[in-house]
Amino acid sequence: MKDILIVDGYNALNAWPNLAGLRTHNFEHARDRLIDALAEYGALKGMEVIIVFDAHLVKGGVERVEQRPGIQVVYTREDETADRYIERVLGRLKRANIWVATGDAVEQFMALGRGACRLPVRELYHQVETATRERRRMTDSAAENSKGDNSLDSRISEDVRQKLERMRRGLLS
């Protein structure tokens, strides 16, 4: 059973320092960067991710769910906050290991009351950054290893190489 991470999107967007400058210049691009970062984090951690953006101030807003690779993006209906949507989803989900990432203390306590784990959005930011750095380190390390001679001959000890050569020549019984 996969863990589920539910994120209050605008809470995260407003709390993550790496999106602060982008937010003021191009809000939609900042939102897309957040979605991409959370999709990658979910893939790295093997989690289902649901990010909720509320439209409670959008007149005529209709609930919309976008399924993107690695993430489900929800835009709530008119007059519905992300908190309210998350409460509704928690009522439907009966799986263990559900995490709710929000900056709202009341919502964190509500999540705990419904059996989910709370995760402050600033802590989620640090977890995402750590996972991303680790992935880059592993990718860079793999790339570095593949640059050199990657043959079996270059990775075995001299005594094993000699034994294999004797086997090849039929000199070992």
N, C-alpha and C. Protein backbone atom coordinates (compact mmCIF):
# COMPACT_ATOMS: atom_id res chain seq x y z
N MET A 1 0.84 -1.18 0.00
CA MET A 1 0.00 0.00 0.00
C MET A 1 0.89 1.24 0.00
N LYS A 2 0.66 2.12 -0.96
CA LYS A 2 1.45 3.34 -1.08
C LYS A 2 1.01 4.37 -0.05
N ASP A 3 2.00 5.11 0.45
CA ASP A 3 1.68 6.26 1.28
C ASP A 3 1.03 7.32 0.39
N ILE A 4 0.21 8.15 1.01
CA ILE A 4 -0.44 9.24 0.28
C ILE A 4 -0.03 10.55 0.93
N LEU A 5 0.37 11.50 0.12
CA LEU A 5 0.71 12.84 0.56
C LEU A 5 -0.31 13.79 -0.03
N ILE A 6 -1.02 14.50 0.84
CA ILE A 6 -1.99 15.51 0.40
C ILE A 6 -1.42 16.87 0.80
N VAL A 7 -1.30 17.77 -0.17
CA VAL A 7 -0.65 19.05 0.06
C VAL A 7 -1.61 20.19 -0.20
N ASP A 8 -1.68 21.13 0.74
CA ASP A 8 -2.40 22.37 0.52
C ASP A 8 -1.51 23.21 -0.39
N GLY A 9 -1.85 23.28 -1.65
CA GLY A 9 -0.99 23.86 -2.67
C GLY A 9 -0.59 25.31 -2.42
N TYR A 10 -1.57 26.16 -2.11
CA TYR A 10 -1.22 27.57 -1.93
C TYR A 10 -0.45 27.80 -0.64
N ASN A 11 -0.69 26.98 0.39
CA ASN A 11 0.13 27.07 1.60
C ASN A 11 1.58 26.78 1.26
N ALA A 12 1.80 25.72 0.51
CA ALA A 12 3.17 25.34 0.13
C ALA A 12 3.78 26.40 -0.78
N LEU A 13 3.02 26.86 -1.74
CA LEU A 13 3.52 27.86 -2.69
C LEU A 13 3.97 29.13 -1.97
N ASN A 14 3.23 29.52 -0.96
CA ASN A 14 3.57 30.74 -0.23
C ASN A 14 4.66 30.54 0.81
N ALA A 15 4.95 29.30 1.18
CA ALA A 15 5.93 29.05 2.23
C ALA A 15 7.31 28.64 1.70
N TRP A 16 7.36 28.17 0.47
CA TRP A 16 8.64 27.68 -0.05
C TRP A 16 9.49 28.84 -0.53
N PRO A 17 10.66 29.02 0.08
CA PRO A 17 11.50 30.17 -0.27
C PRO A 17 12.02 30.16 -1.71
N ASN A 18 12.21 28.99 -2.28
CA ASN A 18 12.74 28.94 -3.65
C ASN A 18 11.71 29.40 -4.69
N LEU A 19 10.46 29.56 -4.29
CA LEU A 19 9.41 30.00 -5.22
C LEU A 19 8.98 31.44 -4.97
N ALA A 20 9.55 32.08 -3.95
CA ALA A 20 9.12 33.43 -3.56
C ALA A 20 9.27 34.44 -4.70
N GLY A 21 10.44 34.53 -5.30
CA GLY A 21 10.65 35.50 -6.37
C GLY A 21 9.83 35.18 -7.60
N LEU A 22 9.75 33.92 -7.93
CA LEU A 22 8.98 33.50 -9.10
C LEU A 22 7.50 33.78 -8.91
N ARG A 23 7.02 33.59 -7.70
CA ARG A 23 5.61 33.83 -7.38
C ARG A 23 5.18 35.25 -7.73
N THR A 24 6.04 36.22 -7.44
CA THR A 24 5.68 37.61 -7.68
C THR A 24 5.70 37.97 -9.17
N HIS A 25 6.49 37.26 -9.96
CA HIS A 25 6.60 37.58 -11.38
C HIS A 25 5.67 36.74 -12.26
N ASN A 26 5.54 35.46 -11.92
CA ASN A 26 4.73 34.58 -12.75
C ASN A 26 4.13 33.50 -11.86
N PHE A 27 2.97 33.79 -11.33
CA PHE A 27 2.33 32.92 -10.35
C PHE A 27 2.06 31.53 -10.92
N GLU A 28 1.58 31.45 -12.15
CA GLU A 28 1.27 30.15 -12.74
C GLU A 28 2.52 29.30 -12.93
N HIS A 29 3.61 29.95 -13.31
CA HIS A 29 4.87 29.22 -13.47
C HIS A 29 5.35 28.69 -12.11
N ALA A 30 5.21 29.49 -11.07
CA ALA A 30 5.59 29.05 -9.72
C ALA A 30 4.73 27.86 -9.30
N ARG A 31 3.45 27.92 -9.62
CA ARG A 31 2.56 26.80 -9.28
C ARG A 31 2.99 25.54 -10.04
N ASP A 32 3.33 25.68 -11.32
CA ASP A 32 3.79 24.52 -12.10
C ASP A 32 5.10 23.96 -11.56
N ARG A 33 6.00 24.83 -11.12
CA ARG A 33 7.27 24.36 -10.52
C ARG A 33 7.00 23.56 -9.25
N LEU A 34 6.05 24.04 -8.44
CA LEU A 34 5.68 23.32 -7.22
C LEU A 34 5.11 21.95 -7.57
N ILE A 35 4.23 21.90 -8.54
CA ILE A 35 3.62 20.64 -8.96
C ILE A 35 4.71 19.68 -9.45
N ASP A 36 5.63 20.17 -10.27
CA ASP A 36 6.72 19.32 -10.78
C ASP A 36 7.60 18.79 -9.65
N ALA A 37 7.92 19.66 -8.70
CA ALA A 37 8.77 19.25 -7.57
C ALA A 37 8.09 18.18 -6.74
N LEU A 38 6.78 18.34 -6.51
CA LEU A 38 6.05 17.36 -5.71
C LEU A 38 5.85 16.05 -6.47
N ALA A 39 5.69 16.12 -7.78
CA ALA A 39 5.57 14.90 -8.58
C ALA A 39 6.87 14.11 -8.53
N GLU A 40 7.99 14.81 -8.64
CA GLU A 40 9.30 14.13 -8.57
C GLU A 40 9.51 13.54 -7.17
N TYR A 41 9.17 14.31 -6.14
CA TYR A 41 9.31 13.83 -4.77
C TYR A 41 8.46 12.57 -4.55
N GLY A 42 7.24 12.60 -5.03
CA GLY A 42 6.38 11.43 -4.90
C GLY A 42 6.98 10.22 -5.58
N ALA A 43 7.55 10.42 -6.76
CA ALA A 43 8.18 9.31 -7.48
C ALA A 43 9.39 8.80 -6.72
N LEU A 44 10.20 9.70 -6.18
CA LEU A 44 11.39 9.29 -5.43
C LEU A 44 11.03 8.53 -4.17
N LYS A 45 9.94 8.93 -3.53
CA LYS A 45 9.54 8.31 -2.26
C LYS A 45 8.52 7.19 -2.43
N GLY A 46 8.03 6.99 -3.64
CA GLY A 46 7.03 5.95 -3.88
C GLY A 46 5.69 6.29 -3.26
N MET A 47 5.32 7.55 -3.30
CA MET A 47 4.07 8.01 -2.69
C MET A 47 3.10 8.49 -3.76
N GLU A 48 1.82 8.37 -3.46
CA GLU A 48 0.81 9.04 -4.26
C GLU A 48 0.74 10.47 -3.74
N VAL A 49 0.68 11.43 -4.63
CA VAL A 49 0.63 12.83 -4.22
C VAL A 49 -0.64 13.47 -4.76
N ILE A 50 -1.34 14.15 -3.87
CA ILE A 50 -2.52 14.94 -4.24
C ILE A 50 -2.23 16.36 -3.78
N ILE A 51 -2.25 17.30 -4.72
CA ILE A 51 -2.04 18.70 -4.35
C ILE A 51 -3.35 19.44 -4.62
N VAL A 52 -3.76 20.22 -3.62
CA VAL A 52 -5.07 20.88 -3.68
C VAL A 52 -4.88 22.39 -3.71
N PHE A 53 -5.45 23.01 -4.74
CA PHE A 53 -5.47 24.46 -4.85
C PHE A 53 -6.93 24.90 -4.70
N ASP A 54 -7.16 25.78 -3.76
CA ASP A 54 -8.56 26.17 -3.56
C ASP A 54 -8.98 27.30 -4.48
N ALA A 55 -10.27 27.26 -4.79
CA ALA A 55 -10.86 28.27 -5.67
C ALA A 55 -12.04 28.93 -4.95
N HIS A 56 -11.93 29.01 -3.63
CA HIS A 56 -13.09 29.51 -2.89
C HIS A 56 -13.42 30.96 -3.20
N LEU A 57 -12.50 31.70 -3.80
CA LEU A 57 -12.78 33.08 -4.18
C LEU A 57 -13.05 33.24 -5.68
N VAL A 58 -13.06 32.13 -6.40
CA VAL A 58 -13.28 32.17 -7.84
C VAL A 58 -14.77 32.01 -8.11
N LYS A 59 -15.38 33.02 -8.66
CA LYS A 59 -16.81 32.98 -8.97
C LYS A 59 -17.08 31.97 -10.08
N GLY A 60 -18.02 31.10 -9.82
CA GLY A 60 -18.39 30.09 -10.82
C GLY A 60 -17.40 28.96 -10.94
N GLY A 61 -16.44 28.88 -10.03
CA GLY A 61 -15.43 27.82 -10.08
C GLY A 61 -16.05 26.45 -9.89
N VAL A 62 -15.64 25.52 -10.74
CA VAL A 62 -16.12 24.15 -10.68
C VAL A 62 -14.94 23.27 -10.31
N GLU A 63 -15.20 22.29 -9.45
CA GLU A 63 -14.11 21.39 -9.06
C GLU A 63 -13.53 20.70 -10.29
N ARG A 64 -12.21 20.70 -10.35
CA ARG A 64 -11.51 20.10 -11.47
C ARG A 64 -10.33 19.29 -10.95
N VAL A 65 -10.18 18.10 -11.46
CA VAL A 65 -9.07 17.23 -11.07
C VAL A 65 -8.26 16.90 -12.32
N GLU A 66 -6.97 17.20 -12.26
CA GLU A 66 -6.06 16.89 -13.37
C GLU A 66 -5.14 15.76 -12.92
N GLN A 67 -5.10 14.73 -13.73
CA GLN A 67 -4.18 13.64 -13.46
C GLN A 67 -2.94 13.90 -14.28
N ARG A 68 -1.84 14.26 -13.63
CA ARG A 68 -0.56 14.47 -14.31
C ARG A 68 0.35 13.32 -13.93
N PRO A 69 1.43 13.14 -14.68
CA PRO A 69 2.34 12.04 -14.31
C PRO A 69 2.83 12.19 -12.87
N GLY A 70 2.50 11.20 -12.06
CA GLY A 70 2.99 11.16 -10.69
C GLY A 70 2.25 12.01 -9.69
N ILE A 71 1.19 12.68 -10.11
CA ILE A 71 0.51 13.58 -9.17
C ILE A 71 -0.92 13.84 -9.62
N GLN A 72 -1.77 14.04 -8.65
CA GLN A 72 -3.15 14.44 -8.93
C GLN A 72 -3.30 15.89 -8.46
N VAL A 73 -3.71 16.76 -9.36
CA VAL A 73 -3.85 18.18 -9.05
C VAL A 73 -5.34 18.50 -8.99
N VAL A 74 -5.76 19.03 -7.84
CA VAL A 74 -7.18 19.33 -7.62
C VAL A 74 -7.36 20.83 -7.48
N TYR A 75 -8.33 21.35 -8.20
CA TYR A 75 -8.77 22.74 -8.04
C TYR A 75 -10.18 22.65 -7.48
N THR A 76 -10.38 23.21 -6.31
CA THR A 76 -11.68 23.06 -5.65
C THR A 76 -12.75 23.90 -6.33
N ARG A 77 -13.98 23.65 -5.94
CA ARG A 77 -15.11 24.41 -6.49
C ARG A 77 -15.24 25.75 -5.78
N GLU A 78 -16.06 26.60 -6.32
CA GLU A 78 -16.33 27.91 -5.72
C GLU A 78 -16.76 27.74 -4.26
N ASP A 79 -16.26 28.59 -3.43
CA ASP A 79 -16.59 28.62 -1.99
C ASP A 79 -16.06 27.41 -1.21
N GLU A 80 -15.14 26.66 -1.77
CA GLU A 80 -14.56 25.55 -1.02
C GLU A 80 -13.07 25.80 -0.84
N THR A 81 -12.62 25.79 0.39
CA THR A 81 -11.20 25.96 0.68
C THR A 81 -10.47 24.64 0.49
N ALA A 82 -9.16 24.70 0.37
CA ALA A 82 -8.36 23.49 0.29
C ALA A 82 -8.53 22.68 1.57
N ASP A 83 -8.61 23.38 2.71
CA ASP A 83 -8.79 22.69 3.99
C ASP A 83 -10.07 21.84 3.98
N ARG A 84 -11.15 22.41 3.48
CA ARG A 84 -12.43 21.71 3.44
C ARG A 84 -12.36 20.50 2.51
N TYR A 85 -11.71 20.69 1.38
CA TYR A 85 -11.55 19.58 0.43
C TYR A 85 -10.73 18.46 1.07
N ILE A 86 -9.63 18.82 1.73
CA ILE A 86 -8.77 17.82 2.37
C ILE A 86 -9.56 17.06 3.43
N GLU A 87 -10.36 17.76 4.21
CA GLU A 87 -11.20 17.09 5.21
C GLU A 87 -12.12 16.07 4.54
N ARG A 88 -12.70 16.48 3.43
CA ARG A 88 -13.62 15.60 2.70
C ARG A 88 -12.88 14.36 2.19
N VAL A 89 -11.68 14.55 1.65
CA VAL A 89 -10.90 13.43 1.13
C VAL A 89 -10.48 12.50 2.26
N LEU A 90 -10.07 13.06 3.38
CA LEU A 90 -9.67 12.23 4.52
C LEU A 90 -10.83 11.37 5.01
N GLY A 91 -12.03 11.90 4.90
CA GLY A 91 -13.21 11.12 5.29
C GLY A 91 -13.43 9.92 4.38
N ARG A 92 -13.03 10.03 3.11
CA ARG A 92 -13.22 8.95 2.14
C ARG A 92 -12.09 7.94 2.16
N LEU A 93 -10.86 8.39 2.40
CA LEU A 93 -9.71 7.50 2.35
C LEU A 93 -9.64 6.68 3.63
N LYS A 94 -9.53 5.40 3.47
CA LYS A 94 -9.46 4.52 4.63
C LYS A 94 -8.13 3.81 4.73
N ARG A 95 -7.14 4.32 4.00
CA ARG A 95 -5.83 3.69 4.02
C ARG A 95 -4.97 4.29 5.13
N ALA A 96 -3.99 3.53 5.53
CA ALA A 96 -3.02 4.04 6.51
C ALA A 96 -1.97 4.88 5.78
N ASN A 97 -1.13 5.52 6.53
CA ASN A 97 0.00 6.28 6.00
C ASN A 97 -0.42 7.43 5.07
N ILE A 98 -1.28 8.26 5.57
CA ILE A 98 -1.68 9.46 4.85
C ILE A 98 -1.03 10.64 5.54
N TRP A 99 -0.36 11.47 4.75
CA TRP A 99 0.30 12.66 5.26
C TRP A 99 -0.42 13.88 4.72
N VAL A 100 -0.64 14.87 5.57
CA VAL A 100 -1.26 16.13 5.13
C VAL A 100 -0.25 17.24 5.38
N ALA A 101 0.14 17.90 4.29
CA ALA A 101 1.11 19.00 4.38
C ALA A 101 0.35 20.32 4.24
N THR A 102 0.37 21.09 5.31
CA THR A 102 -0.30 22.38 5.33
C THR A 102 0.42 23.29 6.32
N GLY A 103 0.25 24.57 6.15
CA GLY A 103 0.81 25.54 7.09
C GLY A 103 -0.21 25.97 8.12
N ASP A 104 -1.43 25.50 7.99
CA ASP A 104 -2.54 25.88 8.86
C ASP A 104 -2.57 24.94 10.08
N ALA A 105 -2.34 25.50 11.26
CA ALA A 105 -2.29 24.67 12.48
C ALA A 105 -3.61 23.96 12.74
N VAL A 106 -4.71 24.63 12.50
CA VAL A 106 -6.02 24.01 12.72
C VAL A 106 -6.19 22.81 11.80
N GLU A 107 -5.78 22.97 10.55
CA GLU A 107 -5.88 21.88 9.59
C GLU A 107 -4.96 20.73 9.98
N GLN A 108 -3.80 21.04 10.52
CA GLN A 108 -2.89 19.99 10.98
C GLN A 108 -3.54 19.16 12.09
N PHE A 109 -4.20 19.83 13.03
CA PHE A 109 -4.87 19.12 14.12
C PHE A 109 -6.06 18.31 13.60
N MET A 110 -6.77 18.85 12.63
CA MET A 110 -7.88 18.12 12.03
C MET A 110 -7.36 16.85 11.36
N ALA A 111 -6.24 16.96 10.65
CA ALA A 111 -5.65 15.79 9.99
C ALA A 111 -5.28 14.73 11.03
N LEU A 112 -4.67 15.17 12.11
CA LEU A 112 -4.33 14.22 13.18
C LEU A 112 -5.58 13.55 13.73
N GLY A 113 -6.63 14.32 13.91
CA GLY A 113 -7.89 13.78 14.42
C GLY A 113 -8.53 12.77 13.49
N ARG A 114 -8.24 12.86 12.22
CA ARG A 114 -8.80 11.93 11.24
C ARG A 114 -7.86 10.76 10.96
N GLY A 115 -6.77 10.67 11.71
CA GLY A 115 -5.86 9.53 11.58
C GLY A 115 -4.71 9.74 10.61
N ALA A 116 -4.58 10.93 10.07
CA ALA A 116 -3.47 11.22 9.15
C ALA A 116 -2.29 11.77 9.95
N CYS A 117 -1.17 11.83 9.32
CA CYS A 117 0.01 12.44 9.92
C CYS A 117 0.12 13.87 9.41
N ARG A 118 0.53 14.77 10.25
CA ARG A 118 0.67 16.16 9.82
C ARG A 118 2.10 16.41 9.37
N LEU A 119 2.24 17.32 8.43
CA LEU A 119 3.54 17.67 7.92
C LEU A 119 3.51 19.16 7.58
N PRO A 120 4.19 19.99 8.38
CA PRO A 120 4.23 21.42 8.04
C PRO A 120 4.85 21.61 6.65
N VAL A 121 4.32 22.57 5.88
CA VAL A 121 4.79 22.76 4.51
C VAL A 121 6.27 23.13 4.46
N ARG A 122 6.78 23.82 5.48
CA ARG A 122 8.23 24.13 5.50
C ARG A 122 9.05 22.86 5.65
N GLU A 123 8.57 21.92 6.45
CA GLU A 123 9.26 20.64 6.60
C GLU A 123 9.19 19.85 5.29
N LEU A 124 8.05 19.89 4.61
CA LEU A 124 7.94 19.24 3.31
C LEU A 124 8.96 19.84 2.34
N TYR A 125 9.11 21.14 2.36
CA TYR A 125 10.10 21.81 1.50
C TYR A 125 11.49 21.22 1.75
N HIS A 126 11.87 21.09 3.01
CA HIS A 126 13.20 20.55 3.33
C HIS A 126 13.32 19.08 2.90
N GLN A 127 12.26 18.32 3.05
CA GLN A 127 12.30 16.93 2.60
C GLN A 127 12.44 16.82 1.09
N VAL A 128 11.73 17.68 0.37
CA VAL A 128 11.81 17.69 -1.09
C VAL A 128 13.22 18.09 -1.53
N GLU A 129 13.78 19.13 -0.91
CA GLU A 129 15.13 19.57 -1.26
C GLU A 129 16.16 18.47 -0.98
N THR A 130 16.04 17.79 0.15
CA THR A 130 16.96 16.72 0.50
C THR A 130 16.86 15.57 -0.49
N ALA A 131 15.64 15.17 -0.83
CA ALA A 131 15.44 14.07 -1.78
C ALA A 131 15.99 14.44 -3.16
N THR A 132 15.81 15.69 -3.56
CA THR A 132 16.30 16.14 -4.86
C THR A 132 17.83 16.15 -4.89
N ARG A 133 18.44 16.65 -3.80
CA ARG A 133 19.91 16.64 -3.73
C ARG A 133 20.45 15.21 -3.77
N GLU A 134 19.79 14.30 -3.07
CA GLU A 134 20.23 12.91 -3.03
C GLU A 134 20.10 12.28 -4.42
N ARG A 135 19.01 12.56 -5.12
CA ARG A 135 18.83 12.03 -6.47
C ARG A 135 19.92 12.57 -7.40
N ARG A 136 20.21 13.85 -7.29
CA ARG A 136 21.27 14.44 -8.13
C ARG A 136 22.62 13.81 -7.82
N ARG A 137 22.89 13.61 -6.54
CA ARG A 137 24.17 13.00 -6.14
C ARG A 137 24.29 11.60 -6.73
N MET A 138 23.22 10.84 -6.64
CA MET A 138 23.24 9.47 -7.17
C MET A 138 23.36 9.48 -8.70
N THR A 139 22.65 10.38 -9.34
CA THR A 139 22.72 10.48 -10.79
C THR A 139 24.11 10.90 -11.24
N ASP A 140 24.68 11.89 -10.55
CA ASP A 140 26.02 12.35 -10.89
C ASP A 140 27.04 11.24 -10.67
N SER A 141 26.87 10.49 -9.59
CA SER A 141 27.78 9.39 -9.29
C SER A 141 27.68 8.30 -10.36
N ALA A 142 26.47 7.98 -10.77
CA ALA A 142 26.28 6.97 -11.82
C ALA A 142 26.88 7.45 -13.13
N ALA A 143 26.70 8.73 -13.44
CA ALA A 143 27.27 9.29 -14.67
C ALA A 143 28.79 9.26 -14.62
N GLU A 144 29.34 9.58 -13.46
CA GLU A 144 30.79 9.57 -13.29
C GLU A 144 31.34 8.16 -13.46
N ASN A 145 30.65 7.17 -12.90
CA ASN A 145 31.09 5.78 -13.02
C ASN A 145 31.02 5.29 -14.46
N SER A 146 30.06 5.77 -15.20
CA SER A 146 29.91 5.30 -16.58
C SER A 146 30.89 5.97 -17.52
N LYS A 147 31.55 7.06 -17.10
CA LYS A 147 32.53 7.73 -17.96
C LYS A 147 33.79 6.91 -18.12
N GLY A 148 34.18 6.23 -17.06
CA GLY A 148 35.42 5.46 -17.10
C GLY A 148 35.21 4.13 -17.78
N ASP A 149 36.25 3.30 -17.71
CA ASP A 149 36.17 1.96 -18.29
C ASP A 149 35.22 1.15 -17.43
N ASN A 150 34.12 0.73 -18.00
CA ASN A 150 33.09 0.05 -17.24
C ASN A 150 33.06 -1.44 -17.55
N SER A 151 34.14 -1.97 -18.11
CA SER A 151 34.16 -3.39 -18.45
C SER A 151 34.38 -4.22 -17.19
N LEU A 152 33.99 -5.47 -17.28
CA LEU A 152 34.17 -6.38 -16.15
C LEU A 152 35.65 -6.52 -15.81
N ASP A 153 36.47 -6.55 -16.83
CA ASP A 153 37.91 -6.70 -16.64
C ASP A 153 38.49 -5.59 -15.77
N SER A 154 37.94 -4.39 -15.87
CA SER A 154 38.48 -3.27 -15.10
C SER A 154 37.98 -3.27 -13.65
N ARG A 155 37.00 -4.17 -13.34
CA ARG A 155 36.42 -4.14 -12.00
C ARG A 155 36.75 -5.37 -11.15
N ILE A 156 37.52 -6.29 -11.68
CA ILE A 156 37.85 -7.48 -10.89
C ILE A 156 39.32 -7.45 -10.49
N SER A 157 39.59 -8.17 -9.43
CA SER A 157 40.97 -8.19 -8.92
C SER A 157 41.85 -9.04 -9.84
N GLU A 158 43.16 -8.87 -9.69
CA GLU A 158 44.13 -9.58 -10.53
C GLU A 158 44.05 -11.09 -10.33
N ASP A 159 43.89 -11.56 -9.08
CA ASP A 159 43.84 -13.00 -8.85
C ASP A 159 42.60 -13.62 -9.47
N VAL A 160 41.46 -12.93 -9.43
CA VAL A 160 40.25 -13.43 -10.08
C VAL A 160 40.43 -13.44 -11.59
N ARG A 161 41.06 -12.42 -12.12
CA ARG A 161 41.32 -12.34 -13.56
C ARG A 161 42.18 -13.53 -14.00
N GLN A 162 43.20 -13.87 -13.21
CA GLN A 162 44.07 -14.99 -13.56
C GLN A 162 43.32 -16.32 -13.50
N LYS A 163 42.47 -16.49 -12.48
CA LYS A 163 41.69 -17.73 -12.38
C LYS A 163 40.73 -17.86 -13.56
N LEU A 164 40.10 -16.78 -13.94
CA LEU A 164 39.19 -16.82 -15.09
C LEU A 164 39.95 -17.15 -16.38
N GLU A 165 41.12 -16.60 -16.51
CA GLU A 165 41.93 -16.88 -17.70
C GLU A 165 42.32 -18.36 -17.75
N ARG A 166 42.67 -18.94 -16.60
CA ARG A 166 43.01 -20.37 -16.55
C ARG A 166 41.78 -21.22 -16.87
N MET A 167 40.59 -20.79 -16.39
CA MET A 167 39.36 -21.50 -16.72
C MET A 167 39.10 -21.45 -18.23
N ARG A 168 39.31 -20.29 -18.81
CA ARG A 168 39.08 -20.10 -20.24
C ARG A 168 39.97 -21.04 -21.06
N ARG A 169 41.15 -21.23 -20.59
CA ARG A 169 42.11 -22.07 -21.31
C ARG A 169 41.97 -23.55 -20.96
N GLY A 170 41.04 -23.84 -20.03
CA GLY A 170 40.81 -25.24 -19.66
C GLY A 170 41.87 -25.77 -18.72
N LEU A 171 42.57 -24.89 -18.02
CA LEU A 171 43.64 -25.32 -17.14
C LEU A 171 43.17 -25.57 -15.72
N LEU A 172 41.93 -25.21 -15.39
CA LEU A 172 41.37 -25.47 -14.05
C LEU A 172 40.41 -26.64 -14.16
N SER A 173 40.43 -27.49 -13.14
CA SER A 173 39.50 -28.61 -13.18
C SER A 173 38.36 -28.38 -12.25
